[in-house]
Each structure stands twice: as C-alpha cells, then as structure tokens.
Amino acid sequence: MADHETTATVDWQSLPQSDELFRFSFEDGRVRGVSLRLENAWQSAIENSDYPPEVASLLGQAVAGAVLMVASLKFEGRLVLQFAGHGPISLLVVQVRSDRRFRCMAKWDGERLAEAGTSLTDLMGRGQLVLTIEPDEGQRYQSLVPITGERLEHAIEGYFQQSEQLPTRLVLAGDSTAIAGMLVQQMPETGGIVPASGPAALEFEHVGKLVDTLVGEKGRAEMLDVSAPELLHRLFHQESLRIHDVARVQFNCGCSREAVGAMLASLGRVELEESLENDETPGSLEVRCDFCGSLYRFDRVDVEQLLSDDSVEPPGSTRH
C-alpha cells in the first residue's frame, strides 16, 4: 500500500481495524515500529483449547511478540518462539511464517497455576526463551535467552539487545478475546552502528516514553479495546509518523486427517494394534492436535486402511 502520513487529511477509520499489522517510522526512518491487534485470528487459534485466563493471556502475548518479530526481522521462512520454564506454565510455543500465518500451543499445570502469582517468573519460573529462525533458503539460526523480568516482553527485548544489538521497546497485551502489541526500534546507521547519542538516540528516547504510557493495567486494556490505527493516532498524532505497510495476520494450523494418518502409519502395525487395545476408547484411536485442538478419530477399519494404503505419504512430507 502507499505510505500514509499522520496529517489531518488521513482517514484513520478507512484503515483495517483488526487482524492487521502496521509498519511505521518517524522522521527519516531513524526509529521504526510495528503495531498489531488480533481478534478473529486469535479467537480462531484458541477456540478448541480450554486455556485458563492466565495461560490465554501469556500465550497471546507470545503470539503478538512473535508476529512483531517476524515483521521486524524481515526474512522468508518460519520463526519459532518457545518459552520453556519450570513453573505452572511450562511451555509456550508459537510458530509464525514470514507471510504472517501462525499457530500456537501451551502446556500448564492447573493445580500449581491456581496458587501462582501474576508475574512472568511466578507463572513460568526459571527458564529460557528459544528463538529459532528457519529460512526457506540458507542456514537455520537459533538463539537462547534467559527468561528475565516481570513480563514476557522483557525477555524478547533481551533477545534484541543481545543478538541484534538494537535498542527496542516492546509492549504486549492479551486475553481470551484479543491480543495486541507494539514494537519500536532505533535503527542502525551507516556501517551498522547504532549511536548511543545524537538525534537518533534522542528520537528513540522520545518515542519510547510515548510507548511507555501503555505500560500498566490501564494502558494494556486500551491496547485490547481500540484498533491498531486508533492507538497509533492517539500515541503519535503530534509526531511525523508514516505508515509504510499494512499486512494481514492469519491463524493457520496446517494439521489434517491425512497428515495425522501418515504419522500413525509410520508407527507400524504392532504399535497401532497395542494402541487400539489400550486407548481410552478401545477399538479406536484419538489424536488431538496440540496447536489447534482438532480431534482426529481412527477406528480399526481406518487403521487397517492406513497400513494398506500405499498412497500415504511419509511423515517427513508434512510439517505437522
């Protein structure tokens, strides 16, 4: 789309109001950012999963953070963001492709969760953020960052500071209805240097203070309640802001009965026969997708067909 500047002539209501991300910059591009708010896409991602409110909130923040990272890193391929800890919430996984299709999952202990506090360390305990970038062409990259701070965005900011050496400000919000996020960064100058002082550093400090107004219960509630364009307008209506791109974000798990069947067929007859006898419903197998909650059932006839069907592709042919 064409660039839009924040002037009185801009019709902010004409911009998409949900499930889109907005890339923007200030002045001559020394500070850039990405903002998003997802509603329909987020509800589609969790509609078959019975996540407690604390889990939905933290997983939603992880999704928003991962999509913002994909938009800021600009590569072709897949990004996997994984938070693994020893707390009541032991695992958060988000997979996002460069075309902004995502899927996500979480694991938690309900009894421990009921007794936990609200900070990131209360919910996840000691652990680490594992960021994996899998480009369509080129070498796979992985970075490990300790889970620190009171909120999930602090760990992601730590990645940018440690691995990208880019001053970054990030605010994330989420509940079972919507998720939102805003990321701003000071961009490197000639030679890849990010100056610690001067006009660019001062501009980033100024923009960062405006973003800081979203920190806290009231600010995060505002992020969830208003559209991304409205939030940008409220925060930066006095700044020389330019919107460079508006892009759709979609939930897409990618699982299918065929893919699950291929996985089962790879187990072999002996293991499948044992599973048919030992499953919760004898005579049938049930496989639930960890990412979208879809349930796939296979009875004895289905299993026999899988084992005799030469058309079943090997499990290496699918991502699920």
C-alpha atoms as a PDB file:
ATOM      1  CA  MET A   1       0.000   0.000   0.000  1.00  0.00           C
ATOM      2  CA  ALA A   2       1.058   3.601  -0.398  1.00  0.00           C
ATOM      3  CA  ASP A   3       2.630   5.431   2.530  1.00  0.00           C
ATOM      4  CA  HIS A   4       0.330   7.419   4.795  1.00  0.00           C
ATOM      5  CA  GLU A   5       1.426  10.335   6.958  1.00  0.00           C
ATOM      6  CA  THR A   6      -0.363  11.458  10.103  1.00  0.00           C
ATOM      7  CA  THR A   7      -1.954  14.640   8.840  1.00  0.00           C
ATOM      8  CA  ALA A   8      -5.460  15.989   9.198  1.00  0.00           C
ATOM      9  CA  THR A   9      -6.285  14.583   5.741  1.00  0.00           C
ATOM     10  CA  VAL A  10      -5.686  10.964   6.723  1.00  0.00           C
ATOM     11  CA  ASP A  11      -8.884   8.970   7.242  1.00  0.00           C
ATOM     12  CA  TRP A  12      -7.793   6.616  10.000  1.00  0.00           C
ATOM     13  CA  GLN A  13     -11.163   4.880  10.016  1.00  0.00           C
ATOM     14  CA  SER A  14     -10.576   3.745   6.430  1.00  0.00           C
ATOM     15  CA  LEU A  15      -7.629   1.605   7.555  1.00  0.00           C
ATOM     16  CA  PRO A  16      -8.240  -2.027   8.589  1.00  0.00           C
ATOM     17  CA  GLN A  17      -9.334  -2.152  12.215  1.00  0.00           C
ATOM     18  CA  SER A  18      -8.336  -5.686  13.251  1.00  0.00           C
ATOM     19  CA  ASP A  19      -6.168  -8.692  12.352  1.00  0.00           C
ATOM     20  CA  GLU A  20      -3.607  -6.483  10.592  1.00  0.00           C
ATOM     21  CA  LEU A  21      -0.118  -5.314  11.416  1.00  0.00           C
ATOM     22  CA  PHE A  22       1.131  -1.829  10.608  1.00  0.00           C
ATOM     23  CA  ARG A  23       4.748  -0.965   9.872  1.00  0.00           C
ATOM     24  CA  PHE A  24       5.583   2.662  10.552  1.00  0.00           C
ATOM     25  CA  SER A  25       8.502   5.058  11.029  1.00  0.00           C
ATOM     26  CA  PHE A  26       9.293   8.563  12.265  1.00  0.00           C
ATOM     27  CA  GLU A  27      11.189  11.413  10.613  1.00  0.00           C
ATOM     28  CA  ASP A  28      13.775   9.947   8.231  1.00  0.00           C
ATOM     29  CA  GLY A  29      13.443   6.342   9.410  1.00  0.00           C
ATOM     30  CA  ARG A  30      15.835   6.508  12.349  1.00  0.00           C
ATOM     31  CA  VAL A  31      13.119   4.980  14.535  1.00  0.00           C
ATOM     32  CA  ARG A  32      10.775   2.345  13.159  1.00  0.00           C
ATOM     33  CA  GLY A  33       7.967   0.283  14.594  1.00  0.00           C
ATOM     34  CA  VAL A  34       5.283  -2.346  14.136  1.00  0.00           C
ATOM     35  CA  SER A  35       1.846  -2.424  15.751  1.00  0.00           C
ATOM     36  CA  LEU A  36      -0.939  -5.013  15.676  1.00  0.00           C
ATOM     37  CA  ARG A  37      -4.205  -6.066  17.248  1.00  0.00           C
ATOM     38  CA  LEU A  38      -5.691  -9.505  16.520  1.00  0.00           C
ATOM     39  CA  GLU A  39      -9.240 -10.519  17.335  1.00  0.00           C
ATOM     40  CA  ASN A  40     -10.748 -13.010  14.860  1.00  0.00           C
ATOM     41  CA  ALA A  41      -7.407 -14.680  14.125  1.00  0.00           C
ATOM     42  CA  TRP A  42      -6.666 -15.062  17.834  1.00  0.00           C
ATOM     43  CA  GLN A  43     -10.093 -16.469  18.668  1.00  0.00           C
ATOM     44  CA  SER A  44      -9.708 -18.978  15.812  1.00  0.00           C
ATOM     45  CA  ALA A  45      -6.363 -20.066  17.264  1.00  0.00           C
ATOM     46  CA  ILE A  46      -7.754 -20.924  20.706  1.00  0.00           C
ATOM     47  CA  GLU A  47     -11.403 -21.846  20.043  1.00  0.00           C
ATOM     48  CA  ASN A  48     -10.782 -25.579  20.564  1.00  0.00           C
ATOM     49  CA  SER A  49      -8.414 -25.155  23.522  1.00  0.00           C
ATOM     50  CA  ASP A  50      -9.633 -24.718  27.080  1.00  0.00           C
ATOM     51  CA  TYR A  51      -6.934 -22.310  28.202  1.00  0.00           C
ATOM     52  CA  PRO A  52      -7.271 -20.754  31.674  1.00  0.00           C
ATOM     53  CA  PRO A  53      -7.225 -16.926  31.568  1.00  0.00           C
ATOM     54  CA  GLU A  54      -3.591 -16.705  32.724  1.00  0.00           C
ATOM     55  CA  VAL A  55      -2.467 -19.140  30.019  1.00  0.00           C
ATOM     56  CA  ALA A  56      -4.503 -17.435  27.277  1.00  0.00           C
ATOM     57  CA  SER A  57      -3.062 -14.065  28.265  1.00  0.00           C
ATOM     58  CA  LEU A  58       0.565 -15.216  28.280  1.00  0.00           C
ATOM     59  CA  LEU A  59       0.226 -17.296  25.104  1.00  0.00           C
ATOM     60  CA  GLY A  60      -1.491 -14.375  23.377  1.00  0.00           C
ATOM     61  CA  GLN A  61       1.361 -12.081  24.329  1.00  0.00           C
ATOM     62  CA  ALA A  62       3.809 -14.643  22.908  1.00  0.00           C
ATOM     63  CA  VAL A  63       1.851 -14.737  19.637  1.00  0.00           C
ATOM     64  CA  ALA A  64       1.800 -10.940  19.366  1.00  0.00           C
ATOM     65  CA  GLY A  65       5.515 -10.786  20.150  1.00  0.00           C
ATOM     66  CA  ALA A  66       6.410 -13.456  17.590  1.00  0.00           C
ATOM     67  CA  VAL A  67       4.400 -11.802  14.801  1.00  0.00           C
ATOM     68  CA  LEU A  68       6.022  -8.436  15.582  1.00  0.00           C
ATOM     69  CA  MET A  69       9.439 -10.091  15.455  1.00  0.00           C
ATOM     70  CA  VAL A  70       8.727 -11.638  12.052  1.00  0.00           C
ATOM     71  CA  ALA A  71       7.667  -8.230  10.749  1.00  0.00           C
ATOM     72  CA  SER A  72      10.766  -6.506  12.124  1.00  0.00           C
ATOM     73  CA  LEU A  73      13.338  -9.142  11.110  1.00  0.00           C
ATOM     74  CA  LYS A  74      12.089  -9.344   7.505  1.00  0.00           C
ATOM     75  CA  PHE A  75      13.060 -12.784   6.188  1.00  0.00           C
ATOM     76  CA  GLU A  76      11.416 -15.536   4.160  1.00  0.00           C
ATOM     77  CA  GLY A  77      10.716 -18.663   6.161  1.00  0.00           C
ATOM     78  CA  ARG A  78       9.496 -19.605   9.628  1.00  0.00           C
ATOM     79  CA  LEU A  79      10.157 -18.256  13.124  1.00  0.00           C
ATOM     80  CA  VAL A  80       9.603 -20.430  16.190  1.00  0.00           C
ATOM     81  CA  LEU A  81       9.369 -18.720  19.567  1.00  0.00           C
ATOM     82  CA  GLN A  82       9.478 -21.059  22.565  1.00  0.00           C
ATOM     83  CA  PHE A  83       9.332 -20.193  26.253  1.00  0.00           C
ATOM     84  CA  ALA A  84      10.243 -23.192  28.405  1.00  0.00           C
ATOM     85  CA  GLY A  85      10.217 -22.967  32.204  1.00  0.00           C
ATOM     86  CA  HIS A  86       9.681 -24.916  35.400  1.00  0.00           C
ATOM     87  CA  GLY A  87       6.653 -23.020  36.656  1.00  0.00           C
ATOM     88  CA  PRO A  88       2.903 -23.719  36.453  1.00  0.00           C
ATOM     89  CA  ILE A  89       3.051 -22.781  32.764  1.00  0.00           C
ATOM     90  CA  SER A  90       5.866 -24.976  31.484  1.00  0.00           C
ATOM     91  CA  LEU A  91       5.744 -24.305  27.753  1.00  0.00           C
ATOM     92  CA  LEU A  92       4.628 -21.694  25.234  1.00  0.00           C
ATOM     93  CA  VAL A  93       5.265 -22.333  21.536  1.00  0.00           C
ATOM     94  CA  VAL A  94       4.462 -20.000  18.651  1.00  0.00           C
ATOM     95  CA  GLN A  95       5.263 -20.700  15.007  1.00  0.00           C
ATOM     96  CA  VAL A  96       4.928 -17.840  12.521  1.00  0.00           C
ATOM     97  CA  ARG A  97       5.765 -17.838   8.843  1.00  0.00           C
ATOM     98  CA  SER A  98       7.008 -14.749   7.032  1.00  0.00           C
ATOM     99  CA  ASP A  99       3.577 -14.446   5.398  1.00  0.00           C
ATOM    100  CA  ARG A 100       2.206 -13.936   8.950  1.00  0.00           C
ATOM    101  CA  ARG A 101       0.352 -17.242   9.260  1.00  0.00           C
ATOM    102  CA  PHE A 102       0.722 -18.542  12.813  1.00  0.00           C
ATOM    103  CA  ARG A 103      -0.170 -21.356  15.171  1.00  0.00           C
ATOM    104  CA  CYS A 104       0.469 -21.742  18.895  1.00  0.00           C
ATOM    105  CA  MET A 105       0.209 -24.019  21.930  1.00  0.00           C
ATOM    106  CA  ALA A 106       0.765 -24.039  25.698  1.00  0.00           C
ATOM    107  CA  LYS A 107       1.223 -26.601  28.480  1.00  0.00           C
ATOM    108  CA  TRP A 108       0.372 -25.929  32.104  1.00  0.00           C
ATOM    109  CA  ASP A 109      -0.399 -27.490  35.496  1.00  0.00           C
ATOM    110  CA  GLY A 110      -3.829 -26.395  36.686  1.00  0.00           C
ATOM    111  CA  GLU A 111      -3.240 -27.057  40.402  1.00  0.00           C
ATOM    112  CA  ARG A 112       0.026 -25.117  40.507  1.00  0.00           C
ATOM    113  CA  LEU A 113      -1.462 -22.353  38.374  1.00  0.00           C
ATOM    114  CA  ALA A 114      -4.273 -21.773  40.886  1.00  0.00           C
ATOM    115  CA  GLU A 115      -1.690 -20.954  43.563  1.00  0.00           C
ATOM    116  CA  ALA A 116       0.698 -18.898  41.402  1.00  0.00           C
ATOM    117  CA  GLY A 117       1.276 -15.145  41.303  1.00  0.00           C
ATOM    118  CA  THR A 118       0.898 -12.976  38.229  1.00  0.00           C
ATOM    119  CA  SER A 119       4.465 -12.138  37.175  1.00  0.00           C
ATOM    120  CA  LEU A 120       6.304 -13.978  34.430  1.00  0.00           C
ATOM    121  CA  THR A 121       8.623 -15.664  36.926  1.00  0.00           C
ATOM    122  CA  ASP A 122       5.632 -16.709  39.068  1.00  0.00           C
ATOM    123  CA  LEU A 123       3.941 -18.308  36.063  1.00  0.00           C
ATOM    124  CA  MET A 124       6.934 -19.818  34.235  1.00  0.00           C
ATOM    125  CA  GLY A 125       9.666 -19.991  36.857  1.00  0.00           C
ATOM    126  CA  ARG A 126      13.275 -20.149  35.777  1.00  0.00           C
ATOM    127  CA  GLY A 127      13.725 -20.999  32.118  1.00  0.00           C
ATOM    128  CA  GLN A 128      14.722 -19.712  28.744  1.00  0.00           C
ATOM    129  CA  LEU A 129      13.436 -18.211  25.541  1.00  0.00           C
ATOM    130  CA  VAL A 130      14.494 -20.208  22.493  1.00  0.00           C
ATOM    131  CA  LEU A 131      14.184 -18.353  19.197  1.00  0.00           C
ATOM    132  CA  THR A 132      14.644 -20.375  16.027  1.00  0.00           C
ATOM    133  CA  ILE A 133      14.680 -18.873  12.546  1.00  0.00           C
ATOM    134  CA  GLU A 134      14.265 -21.365   9.695  1.00  0.00           C
ATOM    135  CA  PRO A 135      14.764 -19.514   6.393  1.00  0.00           C
ATOM    136  CA  ASP A 136      13.416 -21.057   3.209  1.00  0.00           C
ATOM    137  CA  GLU A 137      16.958 -20.722   1.877  1.00  0.00           C
ATOM    138  CA  GLY A 138      20.063 -20.526   3.986  1.00  0.00           C
ATOM    139  CA  GLN A 139      21.212 -21.638   7.401  1.00  0.00           C
ATOM    140  CA  ARG A 140      18.990 -22.271  10.402  1.00  0.00           C
ATOM    141  CA  TYR A 141      19.614 -19.881  13.291  1.00  0.00           C
ATOM    142  CA  GLN A 142      18.886 -20.363  16.980  1.00  0.00           C
ATOM    143  CA  SER A 143      19.292 -18.062  19.981  1.00  0.00           C
ATOM    144  CA  LEU A 144      18.807 -18.835  23.679  1.00  0.00           C
ATOM    145  CA  VAL A 145      17.974 -16.041  26.123  1.00  0.00           C
ATOM    146  CA  PRO A 146      17.226 -16.476  29.862  1.00  0.00           C
ATOM    147  CA  ILE A 147      13.674 -15.622  30.928  1.00  0.00           C
ATOM    148  CA  THR A 148      14.136 -12.433  32.926  1.00  0.00           C
ATOM    149  CA  GLY A 149      11.967  -9.561  34.062  1.00  0.00           C
ATOM    150  CA  GLU A 150       8.411  -9.439  35.252  1.00  0.00           C
ATOM    151  CA  ARG A 151       6.787  -9.682  31.836  1.00  0.00           C
ATOM    152  CA  LEU A 152       7.201 -11.711  28.676  1.00  0.00           C
ATOM    153  CA  GLU A 153       8.170  -8.691  26.558  1.00  0.00           C
ATOM    154  CA  HIS A 154      11.256  -8.146  28.721  1.00  0.00           C
ATOM    155  CA  ALA A 155      12.659 -11.492  27.562  1.00  0.00           C
ATOM    156  CA  ILE A 156      12.048 -10.574  23.910  1.00  0.00           C
ATOM    157  CA  GLU A 157      13.660  -7.170  24.424  1.00  0.00           C
ATOM    158  CA  GLY A 158      16.627  -9.067  25.860  1.00  0.00           C
ATOM    159  CA  TYR A 159      16.934 -11.028  22.629  1.00  0.00           C
ATOM    160  CA  PHE A 160      17.066  -7.867  20.510  1.00  0.00           C
ATOM    161  CA  GLN A 161      19.640  -6.307  22.819  1.00  0.00           C
ATOM    162  CA  GLN A 162      21.787  -9.440  22.945  1.00  0.00           C
ATOM    163  CA  SER A 163      21.515 -10.788  19.407  1.00  0.00           C
ATOM    164  CA  GLU A 164      20.538  -7.823  17.227  1.00  0.00           C
ATOM    165  CA  GLN A 165      22.144  -5.003  19.269  1.00  0.00           C
ATOM    166  CA  LEU A 166      19.092  -2.867  18.559  1.00  0.00           C
ATOM    167  CA  PRO A 167      17.524  -0.684  21.275  1.00  0.00           C
ATOM    168  CA  THR A 168      13.962  -1.985  21.411  1.00  0.00           C
ATOM    169  CA  ARG A 169      10.803  -1.039  23.272  1.00  0.00           C
ATOM    170  CA  LEU A 170       8.007  -3.587  23.312  1.00  0.00           C
ATOM    171  CA  VAL A 171       4.594  -3.694  24.980  1.00  0.00           C
ATOM    172  CA  LEU A 172       2.284  -6.718  24.730  1.00  0.00           C
ATOM    173  CA  ALA A 173      -1.260  -7.398  25.935  1.00  0.00           C
ATOM    174  CA  GLY A 174      -3.606 -10.351  25.671  1.00  0.00           C
ATOM    175  CA  ASP A 175      -6.723 -12.061  26.954  1.00  0.00           C
ATOM    176  CA  SER A 176      -9.126 -14.662  25.576  1.00  0.00           C
ATOM    177  CA  THR A 177     -10.777 -12.098  23.291  1.00  0.00           C
ATOM    178  CA  ALA A 178      -7.948 -10.155  21.658  1.00  0.00           C
ATOM    179  CA  ILE A 179      -4.186  -9.674  21.661  1.00  0.00           C
ATOM    180  CA  ALA A 180      -2.131  -6.604  20.831  1.00  0.00           C
ATOM    181  CA  GLY A 181       1.444  -5.441  20.648  1.00  0.00           C
ATOM    182  CA  MET A 182       3.657  -2.510  19.729  1.00  0.00           C
ATOM    183  CA  LEU A 183       7.375  -2.603  18.994  1.00  0.00           C
ATOM    184  CA  VAL A 184       9.665   0.359  18.262  1.00  0.00           C
ATOM    185  CA  GLN A 185      13.382   0.229  17.489  1.00  0.00           C
ATOM    186  CA  GLN A 186      16.260   2.572  16.889  1.00  0.00           C
ATOM    187  CA  MET A 187      17.679   1.621  13.507  1.00  0.00           C
ATOM    188  CA  PRO A 188      21.399   1.309  12.711  1.00  0.00           C
ATOM    189  CA  GLU A 189      23.129   3.991  10.679  1.00  0.00           C
ATOM    190  CA  THR A 190      25.851   3.648   8.037  1.00  0.00           C
ATOM    191  CA  GLY A 191      28.116   0.731   8.832  1.00  0.00           C
ATOM    192  CA  GLY A 192      25.516  -0.946  11.015  1.00  0.00           C
ATOM    193  CA  ILE A 193      26.297   1.277  14.004  1.00  0.00           C
ATOM    194  CA  VAL A 194      23.530   2.208  16.439  1.00  0.00           C
ATOM    195  CA  PRO A 195      24.605   5.522  18.027  1.00  0.00           C
ATOM    196  CA  ALA A 196      24.196   5.826  21.785  1.00  0.00           C
ATOM    197  CA  SER A 197      23.775   9.583  21.500  1.00  0.00           C
ATOM    198  CA  GLY A 198      22.726  12.153  18.921  1.00  0.00           C
ATOM    199  CA  PRO A 199      19.447  12.804  17.088  1.00  0.00           C
ATOM    200  CA  ALA A 200      18.510   9.155  16.519  1.00  0.00           C
ATOM    201  CA  ALA A 201      19.060   8.197  20.161  1.00  0.00           C
ATOM    202  CA  LEU A 202      17.084  11.229  21.351  1.00  0.00           C
ATOM    203  CA  GLU A 203      14.250  10.428  18.973  1.00  0.00           C
ATOM    204  CA  PHE A 204      14.124   6.811  20.174  1.00  0.00           C
ATOM    205  CA  GLU A 205      14.075   8.002  23.782  1.00  0.00           C
ATOM    206  CA  HIS A 206      11.169  10.341  22.998  1.00  0.00           C
ATOM    207  CA  VAL A 207       9.172   7.684  21.145  1.00  0.00           C
ATOM    208  CA  GLY A 208       9.942   5.184  23.903  1.00  0.00           C
ATOM    209  CA  LYS A 209       8.424   7.492  26.502  1.00  0.00           C
ATOM    210  CA  LEU A 210       5.214   7.681  24.473  1.00  0.00           C
ATOM    211  CA  VAL A 211       5.111   3.888  24.208  1.00  0.00           C
ATOM    212  CA  ASP A 212       5.704   3.676  27.961  1.00  0.00           C
ATOM    213  CA  THR A 213       2.288   5.245  28.510  1.00  0.00           C
ATOM    214  CA  LEU A 214       0.848   1.847  27.517  1.00  0.00           C
ATOM    215  CA  VAL A 215       2.653   0.081  30.353  1.00  0.00           C
ATOM    216  CA  GLY A 216       0.338  -0.745  33.218  1.00  0.00           C
ATOM    217  CA  GLU A 217      -3.150  -2.187  33.524  1.00  0.00           C
ATOM    218  CA  LYS A 218      -4.905   0.825  32.007  1.00  0.00           C
ATOM    219  CA  GLY A 219      -2.595   1.090  29.009  1.00  0.00           C
ATOM    220  CA  ARG A 220      -2.772  -2.606  28.161  1.00  0.00           C
ATOM    221  CA  ALA A 221      -6.556  -2.524  28.448  1.00  0.00           C
ATOM    222  CA  GLU A 222      -6.541   0.335  25.941  1.00  0.00           C
ATOM    223  CA  MET A 223      -4.418  -1.748  23.553  1.00  0.00           C
ATOM    224  CA  LEU A 224      -7.002  -4.527  23.667  1.00  0.00           C
ATOM    225  CA  ASP A 225     -10.011  -2.242  23.355  1.00  0.00           C
ATOM    226  CA  VAL A 226      -9.067   0.019  20.429  1.00  0.00           C
ATOM    227  CA  SER A 227      -7.838  -0.763  16.923  1.00  0.00           C
ATOM    228  CA  ALA A 228      -4.161  -0.531  15.993  1.00  0.00           C
ATOM    229  CA  PRO A 229      -4.735   2.572  13.791  1.00  0.00           C
ATOM    230  CA  GLU A 230      -6.619   4.314  16.589  1.00  0.00           C
ATOM    231  CA  LEU A 231      -3.865   3.508  19.069  1.00  0.00           C
ATOM    232  CA  LEU A 232      -1.188   4.835  16.702  1.00  0.00           C
ATOM    233  CA  HIS A 233      -3.191   8.010  16.226  1.00  0.00           C
ATOM    234  CA  ARG A 234      -3.681   8.500  19.969  1.00  0.00           C
ATOM    235  CA  LEU A 235       0.005   7.986  20.759  1.00  0.00           C
ATOM    236  CA  PHE A 236       1.673   9.759  17.859  1.00  0.00           C
ATOM    237  CA  HIS A 237      -0.779  12.337  16.496  1.00  0.00           C
ATOM    238  CA  GLN A 238       1.772  15.075  17.196  1.00  0.00           C
ATOM    239  CA  GLU A 239       4.649  13.194  15.548  1.00  0.00           C
ATOM    240  CA  SER A 240       5.730  12.922  11.923  1.00  0.00           C
ATOM    241  CA  LEU A 241       4.637   9.308  11.610  1.00  0.00           C
ATOM    242  CA  ARG A 242       4.424   7.444   8.316  1.00  0.00           C
ATOM    243  CA  ILE A 243       2.678   4.085   7.788  1.00  0.00           C
ATOM    244  CA  HIS A 244       4.636   2.040   5.268  1.00  0.00           C
ATOM    245  CA  ASP A 245       2.724  -1.221   5.111  1.00  0.00           C
ATOM    246  CA  VAL A 246      -0.491  -2.892   6.249  1.00  0.00           C
ATOM    247  CA  ALA A 247      -0.442  -6.695   6.218  1.00  0.00           C
ATOM    248  CA  ARG A 248      -2.954  -9.380   7.141  1.00  0.00           C
ATOM    249  CA  VAL A 249      -2.248 -11.787  10.031  1.00  0.00           C
ATOM    250  CA  GLN A 250      -3.973 -15.180   9.960  1.00  0.00           C
ATOM    251  CA  PHE A 251      -4.227 -18.293  12.070  1.00  0.00           C
ATOM    252  CA  ASN A 252      -3.363 -21.427  10.109  1.00  0.00           C
ATOM    253  CA  CYS A 253      -2.527 -24.670  11.882  1.00  0.00           C
ATOM    254  CA  GLY A 254      -1.845 -26.839   8.835  1.00  0.00           C
ATOM    255  CA  CYS A 255      -2.844 -30.093  10.507  1.00  0.00           C
ATOM    256  CA  SER A 256      -5.094 -32.540   8.635  1.00  0.00           C
ATOM    257  CA  ARG A 257      -6.506 -36.043   8.905  1.00  0.00           C
ATOM    258  CA  GLU A 258      -4.162 -37.119   6.124  1.00  0.00           C
ATOM    259  CA  ALA A 259      -1.090 -35.820   7.982  1.00  0.00           C
ATOM    260  CA  VAL A 260      -2.140 -37.489  11.235  1.00  0.00           C
ATOM    261  CA  GLY A 261      -2.856 -40.698   9.358  1.00  0.00           C
ATOM    262  CA  ALA A 262       0.619 -40.657   7.836  1.00  0.00           C
ATOM    263  CA  MET A 263       2.118 -40.225  11.293  1.00  0.00           C
ATOM    264  CA  LEU A 264       0.108 -43.159  12.637  1.00  0.00           C
ATOM    265  CA  ALA A 265       1.012 -45.380   9.696  1.00  0.00           C
ATOM    266  CA  SER A 266       4.703 -44.730  10.365  1.00  0.00           C
ATOM    267  CA  LEU A 267       4.322 -46.330  13.819  1.00  0.00           C
ATOM    268  CA  GLY A 268       3.721 -49.754  12.297  1.00  0.00           C
ATOM    269  CA  ARG A 269       1.118 -52.463  12.848  1.00  0.00           C
ATOM    270  CA  VAL A 270       2.314 -53.764  16.228  1.00  0.00           C
ATOM    271  CA  GLU A 271       2.246 -50.379  17.972  1.00  0.00           C
ATOM    272  CA  LEU A 272      -1.075 -49.412  16.380  1.00  0.00           C
ATOM    273  CA  GLU A 273      -2.689 -52.699  17.448  1.00  0.00           C
ATOM    274  CA  GLU A 274      -1.482 -52.133  21.019  1.00  0.00           C
ATOM    275  CA  SER A 275      -2.804 -48.576  20.957  1.00  0.00           C
ATOM    276  CA  LEU A 276      -6.207 -49.769  19.743  1.00  0.00           C
ATOM    277  CA  GLU A 277      -6.441 -52.038  22.798  1.00  0.00           C
ATOM    278  CA  ASN A 278      -5.042 -49.581  25.342  1.00  0.00           C
ATOM    279  CA  ASP A 279      -6.608 -46.287  24.243  1.00  0.00           C
ATOM    280  CA  GLU A 280      -9.300 -44.663  26.403  1.00  0.00           C
ATOM    281  CA  THR A 281     -11.856 -45.886  23.875  1.00  0.00           C
ATOM    282  CA  PRO A 282     -10.874 -49.492  22.978  1.00  0.00           C
ATOM    283  CA  GLY A 283     -11.192 -50.171  19.297  1.00  0.00           C
ATOM    284  CA  SER A 284     -10.380 -46.647  18.199  1.00  0.00           C
ATOM    285  CA  LEU A 285      -7.544 -44.109  18.342  1.00  0.00           C
ATOM    286  CA  GLU A 286      -7.932 -40.432  19.165  1.00  0.00           C
ATOM    287  CA  VAL A 287      -5.263 -37.892  18.281  1.00  0.00           C
ATOM    288  CA  ARG A 288      -5.700 -34.256  19.301  1.00  0.00           C
ATOM    289  CA  CYS A 289      -3.635 -31.532  17.651  1.00  0.00           C
ATOM    290  CA  ASP A 290      -1.609 -29.637  20.257  1.00  0.00           C
ATOM    291  CA  PHE A 291      -1.780 -26.448  18.204  1.00  0.00           C
ATOM    292  CA  CYS A 292      -5.448 -26.070  17.285  1.00  0.00           C
ATOM    293  CA  GLY A 293      -7.213 -28.669  19.435  1.00  0.00           C
ATOM    294  CA  SER A 294      -8.724 -30.529  16.476  1.00  0.00           C
ATOM    295  CA  LEU A 295      -9.590 -34.134  17.323  1.00  0.00           C
ATOM    296  CA  TYR A 296      -8.988 -36.953  14.836  1.00  0.00           C
ATOM    297  CA  ARG A 297     -10.535 -40.406  15.409  1.00  0.00           C
ATOM    298  CA  PHE A 298      -9.458 -43.635  13.691  1.00  0.00           C
ATOM    299  CA  ASP A 299     -11.288 -46.950  14.205  1.00  0.00           C
ATOM    300  CA  ARG A 300      -9.987 -50.404  13.318  1.00  0.00           C
ATOM    301  CA  VAL A 301     -11.160 -50.100   9.730  1.00  0.00           C
ATOM    302  CA  ASP A 302      -9.394 -46.738   9.373  1.00  0.00           C
ATOM    303  CA  VAL A 303      -6.181 -48.148  10.850  1.00  0.00           C
ATOM    304  CA  GLU A 304      -6.241 -51.140   8.525  1.00  0.00           C
ATOM    305  CA  GLN A 305      -6.723 -48.802   5.584  1.00  0.00           C
ATOM    306  CA  LEU A 306      -3.760 -46.684   6.718  1.00  0.00           C
ATOM    307  CA  LEU A 307      -1.496 -49.719   6.922  1.00  0.00           C
ATOM    308  CA  SER A 308      -2.504 -50.999   3.494  1.00  0.00           C
ATOM    309  CA  ASP A 309      -2.694 -47.647   1.691  1.00  0.00           C
ATOM    310  CA  ASP A 310       0.376 -47.183  -0.485  1.00  0.00           C
ATOM    311  CA  SER A 311      -0.683 -43.602  -1.169  1.00  0.00           C
ATOM    312  CA  VAL A 312       0.044 -42.426   2.385  1.00  0.00           C
ATOM    313  CA  GLU A 313       2.959 -40.036   2.292  1.00  0.00           C
ATOM    314  CA  PRO A 314       5.858 -40.470   4.742  1.00  0.00           C
ATOM    315  CA  PRO A 315       5.760 -38.196   7.801  1.00  0.00           C
ATOM    316  CA  GLY A 316       8.704 -36.199   6.504  1.00  0.00           C
ATOM    317  CA  SER A 317       6.470 -34.747   3.799  1.00  0.00           C
ATOM    318  CA  THR A 318       4.419 -32.654   6.228  1.00  0.00           C
ATOM    319  CA  ARG A 319       5.195 -30.054   8.860  1.00  0.00           C
ATOM    320  CA  HIS A 320       2.670 -31.486  11.328  1.00  0.00           C
END
